[in-house]
């Protein structure tokens, strides 16, 4: 499955990753999910988004985090 809804343009939101050229950043939506906002709540707050946008935002975040080791998080001190 692709991430065709995830877009990037230097002219939109200063080049941040967005959805379908909308002025809604992927990072903002992932943050809302991480802070326990439900998909129906997000869709009510952002009527231009669709359920598939939110699913792809989480896929995008997962791909970015895949197999990356952050040494500070692994520290035992």
PDB file of N, CA and C in Angstrom:
ATOM      1  N   UNK A   1       0.839  -1.185   0.000  1.00  0.00           N
ATOM      2  CA  UNK A   1       0.000   0.000   0.000  1.00  0.00           C
ATOM      3  C   UNK A   1       0.882   1.246   0.000  1.00  0.00           C
ATOM      4  N   UNK A   2       0.521   2.160  -0.847  1.00  0.00           N
ATOM      5  CA  UNK A   2       1.285   3.387  -0.960  1.00  0.00           C
ATOM      6  C   UNK A   2       0.820   4.460  -0.001  1.00  0.00           C
ATOM      7  N   UNK A   3       1.503   5.544  -0.098  1.00  0.00           N
ATOM      8  CA  UNK A   3       1.169   6.711   0.715  1.00  0.00           C
ATOM      9  C   UNK A   3       0.811   7.872  -0.207  1.00  0.00           C
ATOM     10  N   UNK A   4      -0.087   7.615  -1.150  1.00  0.00           N
ATOM     11  CA  UNK A   4      -0.420   8.612  -2.152  1.00  0.00           C
ATOM     12  C   UNK A   4      -1.110   9.849  -1.594  1.00  0.00           C
ATOM     13  N   UNK A   5      -1.644   9.772  -0.390  1.00  0.00           N
ATOM     14  CA  UNK A   5      -2.301  10.925   0.214  1.00  0.00           C
ATOM     15  C   UNK A   5      -1.315  11.833   0.954  1.00  0.00           C
ATOM     16  N   UNK A   6      -0.117  11.337   1.181  1.00  0.00           N
ATOM     17  CA  UNK A   6       0.915  12.097   1.873  1.00  0.00           C
ATOM     18  C   UNK A   6       1.684  12.897   0.825  1.00  0.00           C
ATOM     19  N   UNK A   7       1.697  14.221   0.995  1.00  0.00           N
ATOM     20  CA  UNK A   7       2.320  15.085  -0.005  1.00  0.00           C
ATOM     21  C   UNK A   7       3.301  16.054   0.646  1.00  0.00           C
ATOM     22  N   UNK A   8       4.125  16.625  -0.202  1.00  0.00           N
ATOM     23  CA  UNK A   8       5.132  17.589   0.231  1.00  0.00           C
ATOM     24  C   UNK A   8       5.234  18.673  -0.831  1.00  0.00           C
ATOM     25  N   UNK A   9       5.206  19.916  -0.396  1.00  0.00           N
ATOM     26  CA  UNK A   9       5.414  21.035  -1.310  1.00  0.00           C
ATOM     27  C   UNK A   9       6.064  22.167  -0.531  1.00  0.00           C
ATOM     28  N   UNK A  10       7.140  22.728  -1.056  1.00  0.00           N
ATOM     29  CA  UNK A  10       7.794  23.840  -0.364  1.00  0.00           C
ATOM     30  C   UNK A  10       6.863  25.045  -0.165  1.00  0.00           C
ATOM     31  N   UNK A  11       5.817  25.149  -0.978  1.00  0.00           N
ATOM     32  CA  UNK A  11       4.894  26.274  -0.886  1.00  0.00           C
ATOM     33  C   UNK A  11       3.790  26.086   0.163  1.00  0.00           C
ATOM     34  N   UNK A  12       3.664  24.900   0.712  1.00  0.00           N
ATOM     35  CA  UNK A  12       2.580  24.627   1.668  1.00  0.00           C
ATOM     36  C   UNK A  12       3.171  24.332   3.034  1.00  0.00           C
ATOM     37  N   UNK A  13       2.758  25.101   4.020  1.00  0.00           N
ATOM     38  CA  UNK A  13       3.210  24.947   5.410  1.00  0.00           C
ATOM     39  C   UNK A  13       4.729  24.899   5.524  1.00  0.00           C
ATOM     40  N   UNK A  14       5.394  25.698   4.737  1.00  0.00           N
ATOM     41  CA  UNK A  14       6.849  25.764   4.812  1.00  0.00           C
ATOM     42  C   UNK A  14       7.555  24.473   4.449  1.00  0.00           C
ATOM     43  N   UNK A  15       6.900  23.640   3.640  1.00  0.00           N
ATOM     44  CA  UNK A  15       7.525  22.396   3.202  1.00  0.00           C
ATOM     45  C   UNK A  15       7.267  21.207   4.107  1.00  0.00           C
ATOM     46  N   UNK A  16       6.396  21.368   5.088  1.00  0.00           N
ATOM     47  CA  UNK A  16       6.082  20.231   5.956  1.00  0.00           C
ATOM     48  C   UNK A  16       5.261  19.191   5.194  1.00  0.00           C
ATOM     49  N   UNK A  17       5.285  17.973   5.652  1.00  0.00           N
ATOM     50  CA  UNK A  17       4.526  16.893   5.030  1.00  0.00           C
ATOM     51  C   UNK A  17       3.050  17.093   5.378  1.00  0.00           C
ATOM     52  N   UNK A  18       2.200  17.045   4.339  1.00  0.00           N
ATOM     53  CA  UNK A  18       0.769  17.302   4.512  1.00  0.00           C
ATOM     54  C   UNK A  18      -0.053  16.205   3.847  1.00  0.00           C
ATOM     55  N   UNK A  19      -1.357  16.402   3.842  1.00  0.00           N
ATOM     56  CA  UNK A  19      -2.299  15.491   3.187  1.00  0.00           C
ATOM     57  C   UNK A  19      -2.837  16.116   1.910  1.00  0.00           C
ATOM     58  N   UNK A  20      -2.615  15.462   0.796  1.00  0.00           N
ATOM     59  CA  UNK A  20      -3.230  15.847  -0.475  1.00  0.00           C
ATOM     60  C   UNK A  20      -3.127  17.345  -0.756  1.00  0.00           C
ATOM     61  N   UNK A  21      -2.039  17.967  -0.336  1.00  0.00           N
ATOM     62  CA  UNK A  21      -1.840  19.394  -0.588  1.00  0.00           C
ATOM     63  C   UNK A  21      -2.632  20.306   0.320  1.00  0.00           C
ATOM     64  N   UNK A  22      -3.323  19.740   1.296  1.00  0.00           N
ATOM     65  CA  UNK A  22      -4.068  20.555   2.262  1.00  0.00           C
ATOM     66  C   UNK A  22      -3.102  21.201   3.248  1.00  0.00           C
ATOM     67  N   UNK A  23      -3.545  22.210   3.927  1.00  0.00           N
ATOM     68  CA  UNK A  23      -2.709  22.880   4.919  1.00  0.00           C
ATOM     69  C   UNK A  23      -2.905  22.233   6.302  1.00  0.00           C
ATOM     70  N   UNK A  24      -2.813  20.922   6.328  1.00  0.00           N
ATOM     71  CA  UNK A  24      -2.912  20.141   7.562  1.00  0.00           C
ATOM     72  C   UNK A  24      -1.695  19.223   7.587  1.00  0.00           C
ATOM     73  N   UNK A  25      -0.846  19.371   8.604  1.00  0.00           N
ATOM     74  CA  UNK A  25       0.381  18.575   8.623  1.00  0.00           C
ATOM     75  C   UNK A  25       0.136  17.164   9.157  1.00  0.00           C
ATOM     76  N   UNK A  26       0.873  16.249   8.598  1.00  0.00           N
ATOM     77  CA  UNK A  26       0.826  14.857   9.045  1.00  0.00           C
ATOM     78  C   UNK A  26       1.255  14.768  10.508  1.00  0.00           C
ATOM     79  N   UNK A  27       2.282  15.516  10.874  1.00  0.00           N
ATOM     80  CA  UNK A  27       2.773  15.449  12.254  1.00  0.00           C
ATOM     81  C   UNK A  27       1.712  15.901  13.250  1.00  0.00           C
ATOM     82  N   UNK A  28       0.908  16.877  12.875  1.00  0.00           N
ATOM     83  CA  UNK A  28      -0.151  17.351  13.779  1.00  0.00           C
ATOM     84  C   UNK A  28      -1.181  16.251  14.020  1.00  0.00           C
ATOM     85  N   UNK A  29      -1.568  15.562  12.968  1.00  0.00           N
ATOM     86  CA  UNK A  29      -2.568  14.499  13.104  1.00  0.00           C
ATOM     87  C   UNK A  29      -2.005  13.319  13.887  1.00  0.00           C
ATOM     88  N   UNK A  30      -0.755  12.935  13.629  1.00  0.00           N
ATOM     89  CA  UNK A  30      -0.134  11.853  14.396  1.00  0.00           C
ATOM     90  C   UNK A  30      -0.068  12.237  15.868  1.00  0.00           C
ATOM     91  N   UNK A  31       0.237  13.483  16.153  1.00  0.00           N
ATOM     92  CA  UNK A  31       0.277  13.953  17.535  1.00  0.00           C
ATOM     93  C   UNK A  31      -1.106  13.864  18.192  1.00  0.00           C
ATOM     94  N   UNK A  32      -2.144  14.208  17.462  1.00  0.00           N
ATOM     95  CA  UNK A  32      -3.505  14.099  18.020  1.00  0.00           C
ATOM     96  C   UNK A  32      -3.838  12.652  18.358  1.00  0.00           C
ATOM     97  N   UNK A  33      -3.489  11.724  17.468  1.00  0.00           N
ATOM     98  CA  UNK A  33      -3.726  10.303  17.728  1.00  0.00           C
ATOM     99  C   UNK A  33      -2.923   9.862  18.956  1.00  0.00           C
ATOM    100  N   UNK A  34      -1.679  10.285  19.040  1.00  0.00           N
ATOM    101  CA  UNK A  34      -0.823   9.914  20.175  1.00  0.00           C
ATOM    102  C   UNK A  34      -1.378  10.437  21.491  1.00  0.00           C
ATOM    103  N   UNK A  35      -2.128  11.522  21.422  1.00  0.00           N
ATOM    104  CA  UNK A  35      -2.720  12.097  22.623  1.00  0.00           C
ATOM    105  C   UNK A  35      -4.176  11.698  22.807  1.00  0.00           C
ATOM    106  N   UNK A  36      -4.519  10.548  22.223  1.00  0.00           N
ATOM    107  CA  UNK A  36      -5.793   9.854  22.433  1.00  0.00           C
ATOM    108  C   UNK A  36      -7.019  10.512  21.811  1.00  0.00           C
ATOM    109  N   UNK A  37      -6.823  11.345  20.805  1.00  0.00           N
ATOM    110  CA  UNK A  37      -7.970  11.850  20.074  1.00  0.00           C
ATOM    111  C   UNK A  37      -8.412  10.745  19.123  1.00  0.00           C
ATOM    112  N   UNK A  38      -9.701  10.477  19.063  1.00  0.00           N
ATOM    113  CA  UNK A  38     -10.198   9.394  18.224  1.00  0.00           C
ATOM    114  C   UNK A  38     -10.301   9.851  16.766  1.00  0.00           C
ATOM    115  N   UNK A  39     -10.363   8.873  15.876  1.00  0.00           N
ATOM    116  CA  UNK A  39     -10.496   9.187  14.451  1.00  0.00           C
ATOM    117  C   UNK A  39     -11.775   9.992  14.204  1.00  0.00           C
ATOM    118  N   UNK A  40     -12.936   9.616  14.759  1.00  0.00           N
ATOM    119  CA  UNK A  40     -14.134  10.441  14.545  1.00  0.00           C
ATOM    120  C   UNK A  40     -13.960  11.883  15.065  1.00  0.00           C
ATOM    121  N   UNK A  41     -13.278  12.053  16.178  1.00  0.00           N
ATOM    122  CA  UNK A  41     -13.039  13.401  16.701  1.00  0.00           C
ATOM    123  C   UNK A  41     -12.151  14.208  15.756  1.00  0.00           C
ATOM    124  N   UNK A  42     -11.113  13.567  15.229  1.00  0.00           N
ATOM    125  CA  UNK A  42     -10.211  14.252  14.293  1.00  0.00           C
ATOM    126  C   UNK A  42     -10.961  14.634  13.026  1.00  0.00           C
ATOM    127  N   UNK A  43     -11.761  13.724  12.510  1.00  0.00           N
ATOM    128  CA  UNK A  43     -12.514  14.007  11.293  1.00  0.00           C
ATOM    129  C   UNK A  43     -13.529  15.116  11.512  1.00  0.00           C
ATOM    130  N   UNK A  44     -14.101  15.208  12.696  1.00  0.00           N
ATOM    131  CA  UNK A  44     -15.032  16.293  13.003  1.00  0.00           C
ATOM    132  C   UNK A  44     -14.301  17.632  13.080  1.00  0.00           C
ATOM    133  N   UNK A  45     -13.093  17.609  13.609  1.00  0.00           N
ATOM    134  CA  UNK A  45     -12.281  18.828  13.749  1.00  0.00           C
ATOM    135  C   UNK A  45     -11.699  19.287  12.406  1.00  0.00           C
ATOM    136  N   UNK A  46     -11.407  18.328  11.528  1.00  0.00           N
ATOM    137  CA  UNK A  46     -10.800  18.611  10.221  1.00  0.00           C
ATOM    138  C   UNK A  46     -11.659  17.973   9.128  1.00  0.00           C
ATOM    139  N   UNK A  47     -12.752  18.614   8.738  1.00  0.00           N
ATOM    140  CA  UNK A  47     -13.682  18.003   7.784  1.00  0.00           C
ATOM    141  C   UNK A  47     -13.096  17.729   6.398  1.00  0.00           C
ATOM    142  N   UNK A  48     -11.964  18.341   6.063  1.00  0.00           N
ATOM    143  CA  UNK A  48     -11.328  18.065   4.773  1.00  0.00           C
ATOM    144  C   UNK A  48     -10.572  16.741   4.767  1.00  0.00           C
ATOM    145  N   UNK A  49     -10.322  16.184   5.945  1.00  0.00           N
ATOM    146  CA  UNK A  49      -9.621  14.898   6.037  1.00  0.00           C
ATOM    147  C   UNK A  49     -10.598  13.746   5.899  1.00  0.00           C
ATOM    148  N   UNK A  50     -10.053  12.608   5.517  1.00  0.00           N
ATOM    149  CA  UNK A  50     -10.810  11.368   5.425  1.00  0.00           C
ATOM    150  C   UNK A  50     -10.099  10.309   6.264  1.00  0.00           C
ATOM    151  N   UNK A  51     -10.839   9.278   6.605  1.00  0.00           N
ATOM    152  CA  UNK A  51     -10.296   8.195   7.422  1.00  0.00           C
ATOM    153  C   UNK A  51      -8.983   7.658   6.850  1.00  0.00           C
ATOM    154  N   UNK A  52      -8.912   7.515   5.533  1.00  0.00           N
ATOM    155  CA  UNK A  52      -7.707   7.002   4.882  1.00  0.00           C
ATOM    156  C   UNK A  52      -6.502   7.930   5.099  1.00  0.00           C
ATOM    157  N   UNK A  53      -6.735   9.236   5.202  1.00  0.00           N
ATOM    158  CA  UNK A  53      -5.642  10.173   5.482  1.00  0.00           C
ATOM    159  C   UNK A  53      -5.002   9.858   6.829  1.00  0.00           C
ATOM    160  N   UNK A  54      -5.826   9.612   7.812  1.00  0.00           N
ATOM    161  CA  UNK A  54      -5.311   9.333   9.154  1.00  0.00           C
ATOM    162  C   UNK A  54      -4.558   8.004   9.162  1.00  0.00           C
ATOM    163  N   UNK A  55      -5.101   7.003   8.495  1.00  0.00           N
ATOM    164  CA  UNK A  55      -4.424   5.703   8.421  1.00  0.00           C
ATOM    165  C   UNK A  55      -3.060   5.849   7.759  1.00  0.00           C
ATOM    166  N   UNK A  56      -3.002   6.596   6.661  1.00  0.00           N
ATOM    167  CA  UNK A  56      -1.728   6.772   5.982  1.00  0.00           C
ATOM    168  C   UNK A  56      -0.754   7.615   6.800  1.00  0.00           C
ATOM    169  N   UNK A  57      -1.257   8.531   7.612  1.00  0.00           N
ATOM    170  CA  UNK A  57      -0.346   9.310   8.463  1.00  0.00           C
ATOM    171  C   UNK A  57       0.352   8.398   9.465  1.00  0.00           C
ATOM    172  N   UNK A  58      -0.374   7.428   9.984  1.00  0.00           N
ATOM    173  CA  UNK A  58       0.226   6.489  10.927  1.00  0.00           C
ATOM    174  C   UNK A  58       1.191   5.545  10.222  1.00  0.00           C
ATOM    175  N   UNK A  59       0.872   5.145   8.998  1.00  0.00           N
ATOM    176  CA  UNK A  59       1.809   4.331   8.215  1.00  0.00           C
ATOM    177  C   UNK A  59       3.091   5.113   7.944  1.00  0.00           C
ATOM    178  N   UNK A  60       2.947   6.372   7.597  1.00  0.00           N
ATOM    179  CA  UNK A  60       4.105   7.233   7.322  1.00  0.00           C
ATOM    180  C   UNK A  60       4.987   7.333   8.565  1.00  0.00           C
ATOM    181  N   UNK A  61       4.371   7.581   9.718  1.00  0.00           N
ATOM    182  CA  UNK A  61       5.123   7.685  10.970  1.00  0.00           C
ATOM    183  C   UNK A  61       5.817   6.372  11.299  1.00  0.00           C
ATOM    184  N   UNK A  62       5.138   5.257  11.067  1.00  0.00           N
ATOM    185  CA  UNK A  62       5.734   3.946  11.339  1.00  0.00           C
ATOM    186  C   UNK A  62       6.939   3.699  10.444  1.00  0.00           C
ATOM    187  N   UNK A  63       6.836   4.085   9.192  1.00  0.00           N
ATOM    188  CA  UNK A  63       7.964   3.895   8.275  1.00  0.00           C
ATOM    189  C   UNK A  63       9.155   4.755   8.686  1.00  0.00           C
ATOM    190  N   UNK A  64       8.883   5.962   9.163  1.00  0.00           N
ATOM    191  CA  UNK A  64       9.976   6.824   9.610  1.00  0.00           C
ATOM    192  C   UNK A  64      10.674   6.249  10.841  1.00  0.00           C
ATOM    193  N   UNK A  65       9.913   5.599  11.691  1.00  0.00           N
ATOM    194  CA  UNK A  65      10.472   5.056  12.928  1.00  0.00           C
ATOM    195  C   UNK A  65      11.059   3.658  12.767  1.00  0.00           C
ATOM    196  N   UNK A  66      10.792   3.012  11.653  1.00  0.00           N
ATOM    197  CA  UNK A  66      11.211   1.638  11.441  1.00  0.00           C
ATOM    198  C   UNK A  66      12.718   1.467  11.562  1.00  0.00           C
ATOM    199  N   UNK A  67      13.109   0.593  12.476  1.00  0.00           N
ATOM    200  CA  UNK A  67      14.504   0.203  12.667  1.00  0.00           C
ATOM    201  C   UNK A  67      15.456   1.342  13.015  1.00  0.00           C
ATOM    202  N   UNK A  68      14.944   2.424  13.484  1.00  0.00           N
ATOM    203  CA  UNK A  68      15.828   3.501  13.917  1.00  0.00           C
ATOM    204  C   UNK A  68      16.076   3.350  15.404  1.00  0.00           C
ATOM    205  N   UNK A  69      17.335   3.360  15.776  1.00  0.00           N
ATOM    206  CA  UNK A  69      17.696   3.247  17.185  1.00  0.00           C
ATOM    207  C   UNK A  69      18.108   4.616  17.681  1.00  0.00           C
ATOM    208  N   UNK A  70      17.468   5.037  18.747  1.00  0.00           N
ATOM    209  CA  UNK A  70      17.801   6.323  19.345  1.00  0.00           C
ATOM    210  C   UNK A  70      18.605   6.036  20.596  1.00  0.00           C
ATOM    211  N   UNK A  71      19.946   6.259  20.560  1.00  0.00           N
ATOM    212  CA  UNK A  71      20.811   5.875  21.675  1.00  0.00           C
ATOM    213  C   UNK A  71      20.380   6.439  23.024  1.00  0.00           C
ATOM    214  N   UNK A  72      19.846   7.649  23.055  1.00  0.00           N
ATOM    215  CA  UNK A  72      19.452   8.236  24.341  1.00  0.00           C
ATOM    216  C   UNK A  72      18.318   7.445  24.990  1.00  0.00           C
ATOM    217  N   UNK A  73      17.451   6.859  24.179  1.00  0.00           N
ATOM    218  CA  UNK A  73      16.347   6.091  24.730  1.00  0.00           C
ATOM    219  C   UNK A  73      16.807   4.738  25.247  1.00  0.00           C
ATOM    220  N   UNK A  74      17.938   4.258  24.763  1.00  0.00           N
ATOM    221  CA  UNK A  74      18.455   2.967  25.174  1.00  0.00           C
ATOM    222  C   UNK A  74      19.409   3.058  26.368  1.00  0.00           C
ATOM    223  N   UNK A  75      19.704   4.257  26.770  1.00  0.00           N
ATOM    224  CA  UNK A  75      20.653   4.470  27.871  1.00  0.00           C
ATOM    225  C   UNK A  75      20.080   3.910  29.175  1.00  0.00           C
ATOM    226  N   UNK A  76      20.940   3.265  29.957  1.00  0.00           N
ATOM    227  CA  UNK A  76      20.513   2.717  31.247  1.00  0.00           C
ATOM    228  C   UNK A  76      20.808   3.660  32.379  1.00  0.00           C
ATOM    229  N   UNK A  77      21.428   4.769  32.105  1.00  0.00           N
ATOM    230  CA  UNK A  77      21.780   5.693  33.194  1.00  0.00           C
ATOM    231  C   UNK A  77      20.657   6.629  33.527  1.00  0.00           C
TER     232      UNK A  77
END
